[in-house]
Protein backbone atom coordinates (compact mmCIF):
# COMPACT_ATOMS: atom_id res chain seq x y z
CA UNK A 1 -59.55 27.33 -64.98
CA UNK A 2 -63.34 27.40 -66.68
CA UNK A 3 -65.69 25.98 -68.68
CA UNK A 4 -68.41 26.77 -71.74
CA UNK A 5 -70.82 24.14 -73.21
CA UNK A 6 -72.37 25.33 -76.45
CA UNK A 7 -74.74 23.65 -78.72
CA UNK A 8 -73.14 22.39 -82.34
CA UNK A 9 -74.69 20.79 -85.07
CA UNK A 10 -73.02 17.43 -84.80
CA UNK A 11 -73.48 17.59 -81.23
CA UNK A 12 -71.72 19.37 -77.94
CA UNK A 13 -68.54 21.11 -77.55
CA UNK A 14 -66.83 22.30 -74.50
CA UNK A 15 -64.54 25.14 -74.60
CA UNK A 16 -61.92 25.15 -71.21
CA UNK A 17 -59.46 28.39 -71.05
CA UNK A 18 -56.24 27.09 -69.39
CA UNK A 19 -54.01 29.57 -67.15
CA UNK A 20 -50.81 27.32 -66.37
CA UNK A 21 -48.50 26.63 -67.86
CA UNK A 22 -49.66 28.95 -70.95
CA UNK A 23 -52.76 30.81 -71.58
CA UNK A 24 -54.70 28.62 -74.31
CA UNK A 25 -58.06 28.27 -75.65
CA UNK A 26 -59.09 24.18 -74.88
CA UNK A 27 -61.55 22.39 -77.23
CA UNK A 28 -63.20 19.39 -76.11
CA UNK A 29 -65.66 17.06 -77.35
CA UNK A 30 -68.29 14.97 -76.37
CA UNK A 31 -67.82 11.19 -77.07
CA UNK A 32 -70.70 9.16 -77.97
CA UNK A 33 -71.00 6.17 -75.14
CA UNK A 34 -70.03 2.49 -76.22
CA UNK A 35 -72.58 0.15 -76.85
CA UNK A 36 -72.31 -2.18 -73.94
CA UNK A 37 -72.19 0.69 -70.84
CA UNK A 38 -74.27 3.51 -71.97
CA UNK A 39 -71.56 6.55 -70.61
CA UNK A 40 -70.79 9.10 -72.65
CA UNK A 41 -67.31 11.15 -72.05
CA UNK A 42 -65.37 13.58 -72.77
CA UNK A 43 -62.33 13.89 -75.39
CA UNK A 44 -59.80 16.83 -74.71
CA UNK A 45 -59.46 18.07 -78.13
CA UNK A 46 -57.11 20.63 -79.73
CA UNK A 47 -55.31 23.83 -77.36
CA UNK A 48 -55.25 27.23 -78.87
CA UNK A 49 -51.82 29.38 -77.62
CA UNK A 50 -53.81 33.09 -76.84
CA UNK A 51 -50.61 34.45 -75.62
CA UNK A 52 -49.23 34.12 -79.24
CA UNK A 53 -52.49 35.75 -80.67
CA UNK A 54 -53.41 38.23 -78.14
CA UNK A 55 -51.78 41.65 -76.93
CA UNK A 56 -50.07 41.34 -73.79
CA UNK A 57 -51.95 44.22 -71.38
CA UNK A 58 -49.84 46.93 -69.20
CA UNK A 59 -51.31 47.81 -66.18
CA UNK A 60 -50.28 51.46 -65.61
CA UNK A 61 -51.99 51.94 -62.24
CA UNK A 62 -49.58 49.33 -60.71
CA UNK A 63 -46.04 49.77 -60.73
CA UNK A 64 -42.63 48.46 -58.85
CA UNK A 65 -39.34 49.55 -58.80
CA UNK A 66 -38.73 48.35 -62.54
CA UNK A 67 -41.89 50.23 -63.98
CA UNK A 68 -45.46 49.00 -64.86
CA UNK A 69 -46.37 45.24 -64.77
CA UNK A 70 -47.12 43.48 -67.43
CA UNK A 71 -50.18 41.44 -66.98
CA UNK A 72 -50.28 38.39 -69.16
């Protein structure tokens, strides 16, 4: 998984790409610190399934007995 932090008008958002169990884009948002402890945290948000949005890619340079391998 990799993460990318982006500054938005209302604070920071974090985008993570997960490969297991499916290829998806995960959105995270920063949660303000409670008054008593002063420590901000990150809240896991919406997941966008990329497998259903992106076309399948075929690697024609690498084959096995069944033909070209599909890269997901």
